[in-house]
Amino acid sequence: MRLPRVDHGHSWYVRAFFGAARLLMRMDPPDIMKTLYYRPGFFGLRFSALTQEIMRGESPWTVGERELFAAHVSALNQCVF
């Protein structure tokens, strides 16, 4: 369950960015983008940094393998990846 505020509680410049993204992608921005931009100082920036470290940092797996793992888990969860 996601709070309605995450869908509609963004600043004017984030709403403008999402509007441009809708025009280019011809679809609503993914939910993860809405969540990351909702309160970037509280959640978005830290979560993005952690994701970058996990997906691109040192690992016995290649970046491609990690991307494939993430895509597979997203498919199992019926999420757009």
PDB file of N, CA and C in Angstrom:
ATOM      1  N   MET A   1       0.837  -1.178   0.000  1.00  0.00           N
ATOM      2  CA  MET A   1       0.000   0.000   0.000  1.00  0.00           C
ATOM      3  C   MET A   1       0.885   1.245   0.000  1.00  0.00           C
ATOM      4  N   ARG A   2       0.554   2.194  -0.861  1.00  0.00           N
ATOM      5  CA  ARG A   2       1.314   3.439  -0.948  1.00  0.00           C
ATOM      6  C   ARG A   2       0.400   4.594  -0.589  1.00  0.00           C
ATOM      7  N   LEU A   3       0.908   5.547   0.161  1.00  0.00           N
ATOM      8  CA  LEU A   3       0.125   6.712   0.543  1.00  0.00           C
ATOM      9  C   LEU A   3      -0.182   7.566  -0.681  1.00  0.00           C
ATOM     10  N   PRO A   4      -1.401   8.119  -0.766  1.00  0.00           N
ATOM     11  CA  PRO A   4      -1.734   8.984  -1.902  1.00  0.00           C
ATOM     12  C   PRO A   4      -0.794  10.181  -2.017  1.00  0.00           C
ATOM     13  N   ARG A   5      -0.245  10.619  -0.890  1.00  0.00           N
ATOM     14  CA  ARG A   5       0.659  11.771  -0.908  1.00  0.00           C
ATOM     15  C   ARG A   5       1.907  11.490  -1.751  1.00  0.00           C
ATOM     16  N   VAL A   6       2.337  10.255  -1.810  1.00  0.00           N
ATOM     17  CA  VAL A   6       3.511   9.908  -2.617  1.00  0.00           C
ATOM     18  C   VAL A   6       3.193  10.087  -4.106  1.00  0.00           C
ATOM     19  N   ASP A   7       1.934   9.919  -4.479  1.00  0.00           N
ATOM     20  CA  ASP A   7       1.530  10.140  -5.874  1.00  0.00           C
ATOM     21  C   ASP A   7       1.388  11.622  -6.208  1.00  0.00           C
ATOM     22  N   HIS A   8       0.967  12.429  -5.233  1.00  0.00           N
ATOM     23  CA  HIS A   8       0.598  13.810  -5.550  1.00  0.00           C
ATOM     24  C   HIS A   8       1.267  14.863  -4.676  1.00  0.00           C
ATOM     25  N   GLY A   9       2.141  14.507  -3.767  1.00  0.00           N
ATOM     26  CA  GLY A   9       2.690  15.470  -2.817  1.00  0.00           C
ATOM     27  C   GLY A   9       4.051  16.030  -3.180  1.00  0.00           C
ATOM     28  N   HIS A  10       4.383  16.091  -4.463  1.00  0.00           N
ATOM     29  CA  HIS A  10       5.704  16.569  -4.881  1.00  0.00           C
ATOM     30  C   HIS A  10       5.720  18.078  -5.083  1.00  0.00           C
ATOM     31  N   SER A  11       6.905  18.646  -5.053  1.00  0.00           N
ATOM     32  CA  SER A  11       7.077  20.077  -5.311  1.00  0.00           C
ATOM     33  C   SER A  11       6.742  20.370  -6.781  1.00  0.00           C
ATOM     34  N   TRP A  12       6.599  21.644  -7.097  1.00  0.00           N
ATOM     35  CA  TRP A  12       6.208  22.018  -8.461  1.00  0.00           C
ATOM     36  C   TRP A  12       7.247  21.598  -9.483  1.00  0.00           C
ATOM     37  N   TYR A  13       8.544  21.686  -9.147  1.00  0.00           N
ATOM     38  CA  TYR A  13       9.556  21.321 -10.134  1.00  0.00           C
ATOM     39  C   TYR A  13       9.631  19.815 -10.353  1.00  0.00           C
ATOM     40  N   VAL A  14       9.335  19.025  -9.324  1.00  0.00           N
ATOM     41  CA  VAL A  14       9.273  17.565  -9.509  1.00  0.00           C
ATOM     42  C   VAL A  14       8.049  17.208 -10.338  1.00  0.00           C
ATOM     43  N   ARG A  15       6.924  17.888 -10.089  1.00  0.00           N
ATOM     44  CA  ARG A  15       5.729  17.650 -10.916  1.00  0.00           C
ATOM     45  C   ARG A  15       5.999  18.005 -12.372  1.00  0.00           C
ATOM     46  N   ALA A  16       6.738  19.095 -12.605  1.00  0.00           N
ATOM     47  CA  ALA A  16       7.092  19.472 -13.980  1.00  0.00           C
ATOM     48  C   ALA A  16       7.993  18.410 -14.608  1.00  0.00           C
ATOM     49  N   PHE A  17       8.948  17.902 -13.837  1.00  0.00           N
ATOM     50  CA  PHE A  17       9.830  16.831 -14.326  1.00  0.00           C
ATOM     51  C   PHE A  17       9.022  15.584 -14.682  1.00  0.00           C
ATOM     52  N   PHE A  18       8.084  15.210 -13.817  1.00  0.00           N
ATOM     53  CA  PHE A  18       7.237  14.047 -14.090  1.00  0.00           C
ATOM     54  C   PHE A  18       6.367  14.284 -15.318  1.00  0.00           C
ATOM     55  N   GLY A  19       5.879  15.517 -15.490  1.00  0.00           N
ATOM     56  CA  GLY A  19       5.085  15.836 -16.678  1.00  0.00           C
ATOM     57  C   GLY A  19       5.897  15.660 -17.948  1.00  0.00           C
ATOM     58  N   ALA A  20       7.147  16.139 -17.935  1.00  0.00           N
ATOM     59  CA  ALA A  20       8.024  15.956 -19.092  1.00  0.00           C
ATOM     60  C   ALA A  20       8.328  14.478 -19.314  1.00  0.00           C
ATOM     61  N   ALA A  21       8.541  13.751 -18.234  1.00  0.00           N
ATOM     62  CA  ALA A  21       8.814  12.311 -18.339  1.00  0.00           C
ATOM     63  C   ALA A  21       7.620  11.579 -18.941  1.00  0.00           C
ATOM     64  N   ARG A  22       6.394  11.991 -18.535  1.00  0.00           N
ATOM     65  CA  ARG A  22       5.181  11.373 -19.105  1.00  0.00           C
ATOM     66  C   ARG A  22       5.112  11.597 -20.610  1.00  0.00           C
ATOM     67  N   LEU A  23       5.464  12.791 -21.037  1.00  0.00           N
ATOM     68  CA  LEU A  23       5.437  13.083 -22.475  1.00  0.00           C
ATOM     69  C   LEU A  23       6.451  12.229 -23.232  1.00  0.00           C
ATOM     70  N   LEU A  24       7.643  12.100 -22.676  1.00  0.00           N
ATOM     71  CA  LEU A  24       8.701  11.337 -23.351  1.00  0.00           C
ATOM     72  C   LEU A  24       8.468   9.836 -23.300  1.00  0.00           C
ATOM     73  N   MET A  25       8.031   9.342 -22.148  1.00  0.00           N
ATOM     74  CA  MET A  25       7.865   7.895 -21.979  1.00  0.00           C
ATOM     75  C   MET A  25       6.481   7.407 -22.397  1.00  0.00           C
ATOM     76  N   ARG A  26       5.535   8.364 -22.528  1.00  0.00           N
ATOM     77  CA  ARG A  26       4.135   8.033 -22.840  1.00  0.00           C
ATOM     78  C   ARG A  26       3.510   7.100 -21.802  1.00  0.00           C
ATOM     79  N   MET A  27       3.906   7.296 -20.559  1.00  0.00           N
ATOM     80  CA  MET A  27       3.339   6.547 -19.436  1.00  0.00           C
ATOM     81  C   MET A  27       3.683   7.283 -18.149  1.00  0.00           C
ATOM     82  N   ASP A  28       2.995   6.938 -17.064  1.00  0.00           N
ATOM     83  CA  ASP A  28       3.312   7.538 -15.772  1.00  0.00           C
ATOM     84  C   ASP A  28       4.710   7.127 -15.338  1.00  0.00           C
ATOM     85  N   PRO A  29       5.415   8.004 -14.599  1.00  0.00           N
ATOM     86  CA  PRO A  29       6.714   7.602 -14.057  1.00  0.00           C
ATOM     87  C   PRO A  29       6.552   6.376 -13.159  1.00  0.00           C
ATOM     88  N   PRO A  30       7.548   5.515 -13.108  1.00  0.00           N
ATOM     89  CA  PRO A  30       7.460   4.337 -12.230  1.00  0.00           C
ATOM     90  C   PRO A  30       7.294   4.750 -10.770  1.00  0.00           C
ATOM     91  N   ASP A  31       6.656   3.890  -9.997  1.00  0.00           N
ATOM     92  CA  ASP A  31       6.401   4.177  -8.585  1.00  0.00           C
ATOM     93  C   ASP A  31       7.676   4.443  -7.807  1.00  0.00           C
ATOM     94  N   ILE A  32       8.756   3.766  -8.162  1.00  0.00           N
ATOM     95  CA  ILE A  32      10.006   3.997  -7.425  1.00  0.00           C
ATOM     96  C   ILE A  32      10.484   5.432  -7.601  1.00  0.00           C
ATOM     97  N   MET A  33      10.286   6.011  -8.795  1.00  0.00           N
ATOM     98  CA  MET A  33      10.662   7.415  -8.999  1.00  0.00           C
ATOM     99  C   MET A  33       9.816   8.329  -8.125  1.00  0.00           C
ATOM    100  N   LYS A  34       8.523   8.049  -8.045  1.00  0.00           N
ATOM    101  CA  LYS A  34       7.640   8.867  -7.208  1.00  0.00           C
ATOM    102  C   LYS A  34       8.080   8.805  -5.745  1.00  0.00           C
ATOM    103  N   THR A  35       8.457   7.623  -5.300  1.00  0.00           N
ATOM    104  CA  THR A  35       8.893   7.448  -3.918  1.00  0.00           C
ATOM    105  C   THR A  35      10.219   8.157  -3.667  1.00  0.00           C
ATOM    106  N   LEU A  36      11.183   7.998  -4.572  1.00  0.00           N
ATOM    107  CA  LEU A  36      12.502   8.612  -4.387  1.00  0.00           C
ATOM    108  C   LEU A  36      12.428  10.135  -4.391  1.00  0.00           C
ATOM    109  N   TYR A  37      11.557  10.692  -5.223  1.00  0.00           N
ATOM    110  CA  TYR A  37      11.451  12.150  -5.312  1.00  0.00           C
ATOM    111  C   TYR A  37      10.493  12.749  -4.292  1.00  0.00           C
ATOM    112  N   TYR A  38       9.751  11.916  -3.568  1.00  0.00           N
ATOM    113  CA  TYR A  38       8.799  12.448  -2.594  1.00  0.00           C
ATOM    114  C   TYR A  38       9.515  13.202  -1.475  1.00  0.00           C
ATOM    115  N   ARG A  39      10.453  12.559  -0.822  1.00  0.00           N
ATOM    116  CA  ARG A  39      11.260  13.207   0.217  1.00  0.00           C
ATOM    117  C   ARG A  39      12.713  12.780   0.023  1.00  0.00           C
ATOM    118  N   PRO A  40      13.384  13.372  -0.988  1.00  0.00           N
ATOM    119  CA  PRO A  40      14.740  12.906  -1.312  1.00  0.00           C
ATOM    120  C   PRO A  40      15.744  13.048  -0.171  1.00  0.00           C
ATOM    121  N   GLY A  41      15.633  14.083   0.634  1.00  0.00           N
ATOM    122  CA  GLY A  41      16.567  14.256   1.742  1.00  0.00           C
ATOM    123  C   GLY A  41      16.390  13.227   2.836  1.00  0.00           C
ATOM    124  N   PHE A  42      15.182  12.735   2.996  1.00  0.00           N
ATOM    125  CA  PHE A  42      14.889  11.760   4.048  1.00  0.00           C
ATOM    126  C   PHE A  42      15.141  10.334   3.580  1.00  0.00           C
ATOM    127  N   PHE A  43      14.755  10.039   2.348  1.00  0.00           N
ATOM    128  CA  PHE A  43      14.812   8.669   1.867  1.00  0.00           C
ATOM    129  C   PHE A  43      15.548   8.531   0.535  1.00  0.00           C
ATOM    130  N   GLY A  44      15.174   9.328  -0.433  1.00  0.00           N
ATOM    131  CA  GLY A  44      15.610   9.142  -1.807  1.00  0.00           C
ATOM    132  C   GLY A  44      17.115   9.129  -2.023  1.00  0.00           C
ATOM    133  N   LEU A  45      17.811  10.109  -1.487  1.00  0.00           N
ATOM    134  CA  LEU A  45      19.256  10.194  -1.727  1.00  0.00           C
ATOM    135  C   LEU A  45      20.010   9.040  -1.082  1.00  0.00           C
ATOM    136  N   ARG A  46      19.631   8.704   0.146  1.00  0.00           N
ATOM    137  CA  ARG A  46      20.305   7.600   0.851  1.00  0.00           C
ATOM    138  C   ARG A  46      20.018   6.262   0.182  1.00  0.00           C
ATOM    139  N   PHE A  47      18.766   6.064  -0.203  1.00  0.00           N
ATOM    140  CA  PHE A  47      18.390   4.808  -0.852  1.00  0.00           C
ATOM    141  C   PHE A  47      19.084   4.681  -2.203  1.00  0.00           C
ATOM    142  N   SER A  48      19.153   5.778  -2.957  1.00  0.00           N
ATOM    143  CA  SER A  48      19.829   5.762  -4.256  1.00  0.00           C
ATOM    144  C   SER A  48      21.320   5.455  -4.096  1.00  0.00           C
ATOM    145  N   ALA A  49      21.950   6.047  -3.090  1.00  0.00           N
ATOM    146  CA  ALA A  49      23.372   5.784  -2.844  1.00  0.00           C
ATOM    147  C   ALA A  49      23.598   4.319  -2.476  1.00  0.00           C
ATOM    148  N   LEU A  50      22.728   3.782  -1.639  1.00  0.00           N
ATOM    149  CA  LEU A  50      22.836   2.374  -1.247  1.00  0.00           C
ATOM    150  C   LEU A  50      22.647   1.466  -2.457  1.00  0.00           C
ATOM    151  N   THR A  51      21.652   1.777  -3.286  1.00  0.00           N
ATOM    152  CA  THR A  51      21.411   0.976  -4.481  1.00  0.00           C
ATOM    153  C   THR A  51      22.621   1.002  -5.413  1.00  0.00           C
ATOM    154  N   GLN A  52      23.211   2.177  -5.604  1.00  0.00           N
ATOM    155  CA  GLN A  52      24.401   2.281  -6.451  1.00  0.00           C
ATOM    156  C   GLN A  52      25.539   1.431  -5.908  1.00  0.00           C
ATOM    157  N   GLU A  53      25.738   1.471  -4.596  1.00  0.00           N
ATOM    158  CA  GLU A  53      26.808   0.680  -3.980  1.00  0.00           C
ATOM    159  C   GLU A  53      26.553  -0.812  -4.170  1.00  0.00           C
ATOM    160  N   ILE A  54      25.302  -1.233  -3.973  1.00  0.00           N
ATOM    161  CA  ILE A  54      24.972  -2.656  -4.116  1.00  0.00           C
ATOM    162  C   ILE A  54      25.123  -3.108  -5.563  1.00  0.00           C
ATOM    163  N   MET A  55      24.635  -2.292  -6.488  1.00  0.00           N
ATOM    164  CA  MET A  55      24.615  -2.706  -7.896  1.00  0.00           C
ATOM    165  C   MET A  55      25.940  -2.475  -8.614  1.00  0.00           C
ATOM    166  N   ARG A  56      26.755  -1.524  -8.137  1.00  0.00           N
ATOM    167  CA  ARG A  56      27.985  -1.188  -8.856  1.00  0.00           C
ATOM    168  C   ARG A  56      29.258  -1.356  -8.033  1.00  0.00           C
ATOM    169  N   GLY A  57      29.122  -1.616  -6.731  1.00  0.00           N
ATOM    170  CA  GLY A  57      30.294  -1.762  -5.881  1.00  0.00           C
ATOM    171  C   GLY A  57      30.990  -3.100  -6.088  1.00  0.00           C
ATOM    172  N   GLU A  58      32.014  -3.334  -5.281  1.00  0.00           N
ATOM    173  CA  GLU A  58      32.760  -4.592  -5.385  1.00  0.00           C
ATOM    174  C   GLU A  58      31.854  -5.767  -5.064  1.00  0.00           C
ATOM    175  N   SER A  59      32.024  -6.836  -5.848  1.00  0.00           N
ATOM    176  CA  SER A  59      31.189  -8.018  -5.666  1.00  0.00           C
ATOM    177  C   SER A  59      31.785  -9.169  -6.461  1.00  0.00           C
ATOM    178  N   PRO A  60      31.567 -10.393  -6.034  1.00  0.00           N
ATOM    179  CA  PRO A  60      32.006 -11.525  -6.846  1.00  0.00           C
ATOM    180  C   PRO A  60      31.154 -11.664  -8.119  1.00  0.00           C
ATOM    181  N   TRP A  61      29.982 -10.976  -8.174  1.00  0.00           N
ATOM    182  CA  TRP A  61      29.126 -11.017  -9.349  1.00  0.00           C
ATOM    183  C   TRP A  61      29.365  -9.796 -10.227  1.00  0.00           C
ATOM    184  N   THR A  62      29.197  -9.972 -11.514  1.00  0.00           N
ATOM    185  CA  THR A  62      29.337  -8.845 -12.436  1.00  0.00           C
ATOM    186  C   THR A  62      28.123  -7.930 -12.307  1.00  0.00           C
ATOM    187  N   VAL A  63      28.256  -6.721 -12.854  1.00  0.00           N
ATOM    188  CA  VAL A  63      27.136  -5.784 -12.858  1.00  0.00           C
ATOM    189  C   VAL A  63      25.958  -6.398 -13.616  1.00  0.00           C
ATOM    190  N   GLY A  64      26.235  -7.046 -14.727  1.00  0.00           N
ATOM    191  CA  GLY A  64      25.185  -7.681 -15.515  1.00  0.00           C
ATOM    192  C   GLY A  64      24.448  -8.760 -14.742  1.00  0.00           C
ATOM    193  N   GLU A  65      25.198  -9.566 -13.981  1.00  0.00           N
ATOM    194  CA  GLU A  65      24.546 -10.608 -13.173  1.00  0.00           C
ATOM    195  C   GLU A  65      23.644  -9.995 -12.111  1.00  0.00           C
ATOM    196  N   ARG A  66      24.120  -8.925 -11.473  1.00  0.00           N
ATOM    197  CA  ARG A  66      23.303  -8.265 -10.453  1.00  0.00           C
ATOM    198  C   ARG A  66      22.044  -7.656 -11.059  1.00  0.00           C
ATOM    199  N   GLU A  67      22.174  -7.074 -12.250  1.00  0.00           N
ATOM    200  CA  GLU A  67      21.003  -6.520 -12.940  1.00  0.00           C
ATOM    201  C   GLU A  67      20.008  -7.634 -13.271  1.00  0.00           C
ATOM    202  N   LEU A  68      20.533  -8.781 -13.705  1.00  0.00           N
ATOM    203  CA  LEU A  68      19.670  -9.913 -14.025  1.00  0.00           C
ATOM    204  C   LEU A  68      18.958 -10.424 -12.763  1.00  0.00           C
ATOM    205  N   PHE A  69      19.666 -10.506 -11.649  1.00  0.00           N
ATOM    206  CA  PHE A  69      19.035 -10.904 -10.383  1.00  0.00           C
ATOM    207  C   PHE A  69      17.903  -9.941 -10.025  1.00  0.00           C
ATOM    208  N   ALA A  70      18.169  -8.650 -10.131  1.00  0.00           N
ATOM    209  CA  ALA A  70      17.160  -7.641  -9.791  1.00  0.00           C
ATOM    210  C   ALA A  70      15.954  -7.739 -10.718  1.00  0.00           C
ATOM    211  N   ALA A  71      16.190  -7.947 -12.002  1.00  0.00           N
ATOM    212  CA  ALA A  71      15.082  -8.075 -12.953  1.00  0.00           C
ATOM    213  C   ALA A  71      14.248  -9.319 -12.648  1.00  0.00           C
ATOM    214  N   HIS A  72      14.918 -10.405 -12.295  1.00  0.00           N
ATOM    215  CA  HIS A  72      14.197 -11.640 -11.982  1.00  0.00           C
ATOM    216  C   HIS A  72      13.334 -11.473 -10.726  1.00  0.00           C
ATOM    217  N   VAL A  73      13.885 -10.883  -9.689  1.00  0.00           N
ATOM    218  CA  VAL A  73      13.119 -10.666  -8.453  1.00  0.00           C
ATOM    219  C   VAL A  73      11.951  -9.723  -8.719  1.00  0.00           C
ATOM    220  N   SER A  74      12.175  -8.690  -9.518  1.00  0.00           N
ATOM    221  CA  SER A  74      11.086  -7.773  -9.857  1.00  0.00           C
ATOM    222  C   SER A  74       9.974  -8.500 -10.604  1.00  0.00           C
ATOM    223  N   ALA A  75      10.344  -9.374 -11.523  1.00  0.00           N
ATOM    224  CA  ALA A  75       9.338 -10.147 -12.265  1.00  0.00           C
ATOM    225  C   ALA A  75       8.548 -11.049 -11.318  1.00  0.00           C
ATOM    226  N   LEU A  76       9.241 -11.681 -10.378  1.00  0.00           N
ATOM    227  CA  LEU A  76       8.542 -12.533  -9.407  1.00  0.00           C
ATOM    228  C   LEU A  76       7.557 -11.722  -8.562  1.00  0.00           C
ATOM    229  N   ASN A  77       7.937 -10.475  -8.278  1.00  0.00           N
ATOM    230  CA  ASN A  77       7.081  -9.594  -7.475  1.00  0.00           C
ATOM    231  C   ASN A  77       6.079  -8.838  -8.333  1.00  0.00           C
ATOM    232  N   GLN A  78       6.050  -9.120  -9.614  1.00  0.00           N
ATOM    233  CA  GLN A  78       5.175  -8.456 -10.569  1.00  0.00           C
ATOM    234  C   GLN A  78       5.369  -6.940 -10.557  1.00  0.00           C
ATOM    235  N   CYS A  79       6.637  -6.519 -10.486  1.00  0.00           N
ATOM    236  CA  CYS A  79       6.994  -5.105 -10.505  1.00  0.00           C
ATOM    237  C   CYS A  79       7.678  -4.781 -11.826  1.00  0.00           C
ATOM    238  N   VAL A  80       7.457  -3.558 -12.300  1.00  0.00           N
ATOM    239  CA  VAL A  80       8.174  -3.102 -13.488  1.00  0.00           C
ATOM    240  C   VAL A  80       9.612  -2.828 -13.072  1.00  0.00           C
ATOM    241  N   PHE A  81      10.570  -3.358 -13.814  1.00  0.00           N
ATOM    242  CA  PHE A  81      11.978  -3.134 -13.490  1.00  0.00           C
ATOM    243  C   PHE A  81      12.598  -2.264 -14.548  1.00  0.00           C
TER     244      PHE A  81
END
